[in-house]
Amino acid sequence: METYTKTNETHVISDLCVETVDTDKNVENGNYKNKKYFACDICGVKFCQKGLLKKHFHTHTKEKPYSCAVCNKEFSQESLLNVHQRIHTKERPYSCDVCGKGFFQRGALSAHYRIHTDEKPFSCDVCGKEFSQKGHLKRHHRIHTNEKPYSCVVCNKGFSRKSKLNEHFEIHTNEKPFSCDVCGKGFSQRDNLAKHHHIHTNEKPYSCDVCNKGFSRKSNLNVHFRTHTNEKPFSCEVCHKDFSHKSHLNVHFRIHTNEKPFSCDVCNKFFSHKSNLNVHYGTHTNEKPFSCDVCGKGFLQRGNLAKHYHVHTD
């Protein structure tokens, strides 16, 4: 609650309205002549009722005398406790007259209603992007400030959204509450399960508007699109070579670090690329998966087969 001063007027806040009283002229109006007001001795806000002043005072003392009987969460006002309790009772007294969705609070309904009206009253002062809810604008603004207020208690990695922290934390717990009803594979996130399910349905809802190639994931479409634009947004900080895929940059970087994370379980030789390990493994199994369709000779690597073809063409 706030006190506003404008010339000779004091705004008096009640539970229903804000009344304006001309304090300097000592108004003889019968409504105000004998009316008593209760002022907060910290911030000066005036109330029509002593009980309202008492409730307001909790905002300064941080006192929270009202607690939830279910989860013990504490509140400074009884009205806030009543709203909170709807979480446990599932009561949703406010419903949208367009789609019927229910809400715990009237304010949440008002914010939701903008989905139907496409009203976006909150805009970013940096890039101008508009939002229907103030919370969404606040969350978006962290893109510009690089603010990451949520951090993992295990590895200290920071996140701009609490939901992303919760998703990340499952890496440490190895919890996978979502499982595929076809193959049983478990996932830590529901949306990853939904993406995985496209493998079984062969559904490819995302298509390239240049070549019409379909993809099961939007991220894969975005990566593919760089083949048309020749965009290479990932650059090596050592030699400045550019890559269209972040994974390609990660593999390339091992040239500088001499990292070889893949090892042969037969001879313990190490490799920087998994594909090189797979090729090497053929030396132990004598497997030759690539064969010449002219003479039938087998080769361990596709490149060697291509070179061999010159024997028949020269």
Protein backbone atom coordinates (compact mmCIF):
# COMPACT_ATOMS: atom_id res chain seq x y z
CA MET A 1 0.00 0.00 0.00
CA GLU A 2 1.24 3.49 -0.78
CA THR A 3 0.66 7.11 0.24
CA TYR A 4 0.30 9.67 -2.55
CA THR A 5 0.59 13.45 -2.03
CA LYS A 6 -0.94 15.90 -4.50
CA THR A 7 -1.21 19.58 -3.51
CA ASN A 8 -3.36 19.63 -0.35
CA GLU A 9 -4.86 16.19 -0.71
CA THR A 10 -4.13 12.98 1.21
CA HIS A 11 -5.26 9.66 -0.24
CA VAL A 12 -6.80 7.46 2.42
CA ILE A 13 -6.84 3.76 1.63
CA SER A 14 -9.68 1.54 2.75
CA ASP A 15 -10.53 -2.05 1.89
CA LEU A 16 -12.96 -0.90 -0.81
CA CYS A 17 -11.69 2.41 -2.15
CA VAL A 18 -9.24 5.29 -1.99
CA GLU A 19 -10.79 8.40 -0.45
CA THR A 20 -9.37 11.90 -0.97
CA VAL A 21 -9.45 14.28 2.00
CA ASP A 22 -8.61 18.02 1.79
CA THR A 23 -6.53 18.19 4.94
CA ASP A 24 -5.55 21.87 4.80
CA LYS A 25 -9.06 23.30 4.43
CA ASN A 26 -10.52 21.24 7.29
CA VAL A 27 -13.53 20.29 5.22
CA GLU A 28 -16.83 20.83 7.06
CA ASN A 29 -18.44 18.03 5.05
CA GLY A 30 -20.41 15.77 7.35
CA ASN A 31 -18.79 12.65 5.88
CA TYR A 32 -15.36 13.72 7.08
CA LYS A 33 -15.97 16.17 9.96
CA ASN A 34 -16.09 13.55 12.69
CA LYS A 35 -14.50 10.66 10.83
CA LYS A 36 -11.47 9.10 12.50
CA TYR A 37 -8.55 7.76 10.50
CA PHE A 38 -5.80 5.41 11.58
CA ALA A 39 -2.36 6.26 10.19
CA CYS A 40 0.64 3.96 9.91
CA ASP A 41 3.46 5.51 11.96
CA ILE A 42 6.05 4.01 9.60
CA CYS A 43 4.89 5.03 6.13
CA GLY A 44 1.98 7.37 6.91
CA VAL A 45 -0.73 5.48 4.99
CA LYS A 46 -4.17 6.17 6.51
CA PHE A 47 -6.96 3.63 6.96
CA CYS A 48 -10.67 3.94 7.72
CA GLN A 49 -10.57 0.94 10.06
CA LYS A 50 -8.11 0.03 12.79
CA GLY A 51 -8.19 -3.61 11.68
CA LEU A 52 -6.95 -2.66 8.22
CA LEU A 53 -4.07 -0.73 9.74
CA LYS A 54 -3.15 -3.77 11.80
CA LYS A 55 -3.10 -5.97 8.70
CA HIS A 56 -1.05 -3.40 6.83
CA PHE A 57 1.48 -3.21 9.67
CA HIS A 58 2.51 -6.81 9.00
CA THR A 59 4.09 -5.65 5.74
CA HIS A 60 6.66 -3.70 7.78
CA THR A 61 7.27 -6.22 10.55
CA LYS A 62 7.36 -9.23 8.17
CA GLU A 63 5.14 -10.94 10.73
CA LYS A 64 3.12 -13.85 9.32
CA PRO A 65 0.55 -14.86 11.91
CA TYR A 66 -1.58 -17.00 9.57
CA SER A 67 -0.35 -20.48 8.63
CA CYS A 68 -1.71 -23.21 6.37
CA ALA A 69 -2.92 -26.27 8.28
CA VAL A 70 -1.88 -28.53 5.38
CA CYS A 71 1.64 -27.41 4.43
CA ASN A 72 2.44 -24.90 7.23
CA LYS A 73 3.22 -22.07 4.81
CA GLU A 74 2.83 -18.72 6.57
CA PHE A 75 1.10 -15.53 5.45
CA SER A 76 0.86 -11.94 6.68
CA GLN A 77 -2.86 -11.67 5.84
CA GLU A 78 -5.76 -14.05 6.29
CA SER A 79 -7.03 -13.28 2.78
CA LEU A 80 -3.72 -14.50 1.31
CA LEU A 81 -4.01 -17.70 3.32
CA ASN A 82 -7.56 -18.24 2.00
CA VAL A 83 -6.36 -17.89 -1.59
CA HIS A 84 -3.43 -20.25 -0.93
CA GLN A 85 -5.69 -22.94 0.55
CA ARG A 86 -7.37 -23.34 -2.83
CA ILE A 87 -4.20 -25.10 -3.97
CA HIS A 88 -5.02 -27.92 -1.56
CA THR A 89 -8.79 -27.91 -2.03
CA LYS A 90 -8.51 -27.55 -5.84
CA GLU A 91 -11.20 -24.86 -5.60
CA ARG A 92 -11.23 -22.60 -8.65
CA PRO A 93 -13.98 -20.04 -8.18
CA TYR A 94 -13.02 -17.94 -11.20
CA SER A 95 -13.57 -19.42 -14.67
CA CYS A 96 -13.02 -18.11 -18.19
CA ASP A 97 -16.29 -17.52 -20.05
CA VAL A 98 -14.55 -18.29 -23.36
CA CYS A 99 -12.84 -21.64 -22.75
CA GLY A 100 -14.09 -22.57 -19.25
CA LYS A 101 -10.65 -22.88 -17.65
CA GLY A 102 -10.74 -22.34 -13.89
CA PHE A 103 -8.41 -20.25 -11.71
CA PHE A 104 -7.58 -19.84 -8.01
CA GLN A 105 -7.34 -16.05 -8.22
CA ARG A 106 -9.23 -13.34 -10.09
CA GLY A 107 -5.94 -11.79 -11.22
CA ALA A 108 -4.86 -15.06 -12.85
CA LEU A 109 -8.14 -15.15 -14.78
CA SER A 110 -7.62 -11.58 -15.98
CA ALA A 111 -4.12 -12.43 -17.18
CA HIS A 112 -5.37 -15.61 -18.89
CA TYR A 113 -8.14 -13.72 -20.69
CA ARG A 114 -5.51 -11.85 -22.72
CA ILE A 115 -4.83 -15.11 -24.57
CA HIS A 116 -8.24 -14.75 -26.20
CA THR A 117 -8.03 -10.98 -26.77
CA ASP A 118 -4.36 -11.15 -27.85
CA GLU A 119 -3.75 -8.14 -25.61
CA LYS A 120 -0.08 -7.65 -24.73
CA PRO A 121 0.21 -4.62 -22.46
CA PHE A 122 3.77 -5.34 -21.25
CA SER A 123 6.68 -4.62 -23.59
CA CYS A 124 10.45 -5.06 -23.24
CA ASP A 125 12.29 -1.73 -23.11
CA VAL A 126 15.33 -3.34 -24.75
CA CYS A 127 13.98 -5.20 -27.79
CA GLY A 128 10.31 -4.16 -27.82
CA LYS A 129 8.90 -7.70 -27.58
CA GLU A 130 5.41 -7.68 -26.08
CA PHE A 131 3.88 -9.96 -23.46
CA SER A 132 0.43 -10.63 -22.06
CA GLN A 133 1.72 -11.11 -18.51
CA LYS A 134 4.13 -9.04 -16.44
CA GLY A 135 5.82 -12.21 -15.12
CA HIS A 136 6.62 -13.33 -18.66
CA LEU A 137 8.22 -9.94 -19.40
CA LYS A 138 10.31 -10.16 -16.23
CA ARG A 139 11.48 -13.66 -17.16
CA HIS A 140 12.25 -12.55 -20.74
CA HIS A 141 14.29 -9.58 -19.52
CA ARG A 142 16.86 -11.98 -18.07
CA ILE A 143 17.92 -12.75 -21.65
CA HIS A 144 19.29 -9.20 -21.87
CA THR A 145 20.70 -9.00 -18.34
CA ASN A 146 21.97 -12.62 -18.32
CA GLU A 147 20.54 -12.84 -14.81
CA LYS A 148 20.34 -16.39 -13.46
CA PRO A 149 18.70 -16.20 -10.02
CA TYR A 150 18.20 -19.96 -9.65
CA SER A 151 21.25 -22.13 -8.99
CA CYS A 152 21.76 -25.86 -8.50
CA VAL A 153 22.75 -26.80 -4.95
CA VAL A 154 24.83 -29.69 -6.28
CA CYS A 155 26.90 -28.16 -9.09
CA ASN A 156 26.08 -24.43 -8.73
CA LYS A 157 24.99 -24.11 -12.37
CA GLY A 158 22.76 -21.06 -12.77
CA PHE A 159 19.39 -20.81 -14.52
CA SER A 160 17.12 -17.95 -15.53
CA ARG A 161 13.98 -20.04 -14.89
CA LYS A 162 13.06 -22.16 -11.88
CA SER A 163 11.47 -24.76 -14.19
CA LYS A 164 14.82 -25.21 -15.98
CA LEU A 165 16.56 -25.70 -12.62
CA ASN A 166 14.02 -28.39 -11.69
CA GLU A 167 14.61 -30.15 -15.02
CA HIS A 168 18.39 -29.93 -14.58
CA PHE A 169 18.28 -31.30 -11.02
CA GLU A 170 17.01 -34.64 -12.32
CA ILE A 171 20.48 -35.15 -13.85
CA HIS A 172 21.82 -35.53 -10.32
CA THR A 173 18.96 -37.64 -8.98
CA ASN A 174 18.75 -39.74 -12.16
CA GLU A 175 14.99 -39.63 -11.67
CA LYS A 176 13.03 -40.51 -14.81
CA PRO A 177 9.33 -40.32 -13.97
CA PHE A 178 8.13 -40.38 -17.59
CA SER A 179 8.35 -43.64 -19.52
CA CYS A 180 7.48 -44.61 -23.09
CA ASP A 181 4.47 -46.93 -23.29
CA VAL A 182 5.92 -48.55 -26.42
CA CYS A 183 9.54 -49.38 -25.51
CA GLY A 184 9.65 -48.51 -21.80
CA LYS A 185 12.48 -45.99 -22.09
CA GLY A 186 12.47 -43.52 -19.22
CA PHE A 187 12.80 -39.73 -19.40
CA SER A 188 13.33 -37.01 -16.82
CA GLN A 189 11.15 -34.54 -18.74
CA ARG A 190 7.68 -34.95 -20.22
CA ASP A 191 8.51 -33.01 -23.40
CA ASN A 192 11.50 -35.27 -24.09
CA LEU A 193 9.16 -38.26 -23.89
CA ALA A 194 6.83 -36.56 -26.38
CA LYS A 195 9.76 -35.96 -28.76
CA HIS A 196 10.94 -39.56 -28.36
CA HIS A 197 7.49 -40.89 -29.19
CA HIS A 198 7.89 -39.59 -32.75
CA ILE A 199 10.41 -42.41 -33.29
CA HIS A 200 7.62 -44.96 -32.98
CA THR A 201 5.00 -43.01 -34.90
CA ASN A 202 7.49 -41.76 -37.52
CA GLU A 203 5.71 -38.43 -37.11
CA LYS A 204 7.66 -35.46 -38.47
CA PRO A 205 5.60 -32.36 -37.70
CA TYR A 206 8.36 -29.88 -38.58
CA SER A 207 9.27 -29.37 -42.23
CA CYS A 208 11.83 -27.18 -44.00
CA ASP A 209 10.17 -24.48 -46.08
CA VAL A 210 13.07 -24.61 -48.56
CA CYS A 211 13.38 -28.32 -49.37
CA ASN A 212 10.33 -29.73 -47.49
CA LYS A 213 12.42 -32.26 -45.57
CA GLY A 214 10.55 -33.36 -42.43
CA PHE A 215 11.87 -33.56 -38.88
CA SER A 216 10.54 -34.98 -35.63
CA ARG A 217 12.07 -32.15 -33.59
CA LYS A 218 12.05 -28.41 -34.14
CA SER A 219 15.67 -28.18 -32.95
CA ASN A 220 16.72 -30.59 -35.70
CA LEU A 221 14.91 -28.44 -38.26
CA ASN A 222 16.74 -25.36 -37.00
CA VAL A 223 20.10 -27.13 -37.34
CA HIS A 224 19.20 -28.42 -40.81
CA PHE A 225 18.17 -24.96 -42.00
CA ARG A 226 21.78 -23.83 -41.65
CA THR A 227 22.64 -26.02 -44.64
CA HIS A 228 20.63 -23.56 -46.73
CA THR A 229 21.87 -20.37 -45.07
CA ASN A 230 25.45 -21.63 -44.57
CA GLU A 231 25.24 -20.13 -41.08
CA LYS A 232 27.99 -21.26 -38.72
CA PRO A 233 27.24 -19.72 -35.33
CA PHE A 234 29.71 -21.81 -33.31
CA SER A 235 33.34 -20.72 -33.40
CA CYS A 236 36.46 -22.32 -31.93
CA GLU A 237 38.06 -19.97 -29.40
CA VAL A 238 41.52 -21.33 -30.23
CA CYS A 239 41.73 -21.37 -34.04
CA HIS A 240 38.45 -19.54 -34.84
CA LYS A 241 37.18 -22.23 -37.18
CA ASP A 242 33.39 -21.98 -37.52
CA PHE A 243 30.81 -24.76 -37.29
CA SER A 244 27.11 -25.09 -37.98
CA HIS A 245 26.63 -27.63 -35.16
CA LYS A 246 27.70 -27.18 -31.55
CA SER A 247 28.47 -30.90 -31.34
CA HIS A 248 30.89 -30.54 -34.28
CA LEU A 249 32.68 -27.76 -32.42
CA ASN A 250 32.93 -29.94 -29.31
CA VAL A 251 34.46 -32.79 -31.32
CA HIS A 252 36.83 -30.40 -33.12
CA PHE A 253 38.01 -28.88 -29.83
CA ARG A 254 39.59 -32.20 -28.88
CA ILE A 255 42.28 -31.46 -31.47
CA HIS A 256 43.50 -28.67 -29.19
CA THR A 257 43.01 -30.48 -25.88
CA ASN A 258 44.21 -33.87 -27.20
CA GLU A 259 41.24 -35.37 -25.38
CA LYS A 260 40.46 -38.97 -26.40
CA PRO A 261 37.36 -40.08 -24.50
CA PHE A 262 36.71 -43.26 -26.52
CA SER A 263 38.81 -46.37 -25.87
CA CYS A 264 38.94 -49.82 -27.43
CA ASP A 265 38.01 -52.54 -24.92
CA VAL A 266 40.31 -55.00 -26.74
CA CYS A 267 43.62 -53.13 -27.00
CA ASN A 268 42.87 -49.98 -24.94
CA LYS A 269 43.78 -47.63 -27.78
CA PHE A 270 42.14 -44.21 -27.38
CA PHE A 271 40.30 -42.10 -29.94
CA SER A 272 38.91 -38.56 -30.06
CA HIS A 273 35.97 -39.60 -32.29
CA LYS A 274 33.56 -42.46 -31.63
CA SER A 275 33.38 -43.12 -35.38
CA ASN A 276 37.15 -43.66 -35.45
CA LEU A 277 36.81 -46.17 -32.60
CA ASN A 278 34.11 -48.03 -34.55
CA VAL A 279 36.36 -48.21 -37.63
CA HIS A 280 39.30 -49.36 -35.53
CA TYR A 281 37.23 -52.04 -33.86
CA GLY A 282 36.86 -53.71 -37.26
CA THR A 283 40.57 -54.57 -37.15
CA HIS A 284 39.84 -56.91 -34.25
CA THR A 285 36.64 -58.41 -35.66
CA ASN A 286 37.93 -58.47 -39.25
CA GLU A 287 34.54 -57.08 -40.21
CA LYS A 288 34.41 -55.41 -43.62
CA PRO A 289 30.99 -53.84 -44.00
CA PHE A 290 31.71 -52.07 -47.31
CA SER A 291 32.03 -54.27 -50.39
CA CYS A 292 32.66 -53.54 -54.04
CA ASP A 293 29.63 -54.31 -56.21
CA VAL A 294 31.95 -55.08 -59.13
CA CYS A 295 34.42 -57.60 -57.70
CA GLY A 296 33.03 -58.21 -54.22
CA LYS A 297 36.16 -57.15 -52.34
CA GLY A 298 35.42 -56.02 -48.78
CA PHE A 299 36.70 -52.93 -46.99
CA LEU A 300 36.76 -51.70 -43.44
CA GLN A 301 36.12 -48.07 -44.38
CA ARG A 302 33.82 -46.46 -46.94
CA GLY A 303 36.65 -44.15 -48.08
CA ASN A 304 38.86 -47.11 -48.96
CA LEU A 305 36.04 -48.59 -51.02
CA ALA A 306 35.72 -45.31 -52.94
CA LYS A 307 39.46 -45.34 -53.69
CA HIS A 308 39.27 -48.99 -54.78
CA TYR A 309 36.61 -48.15 -57.39
CA HIS A 310 39.27 -46.39 -59.45
CA VAL A 311 40.74 -49.83 -60.24
CA HIS A 312 37.64 -50.64 -62.26
CA THR A 313 37.15 -47.20 -63.83
CA ASP A 314 40.76 -46.39 -64.83
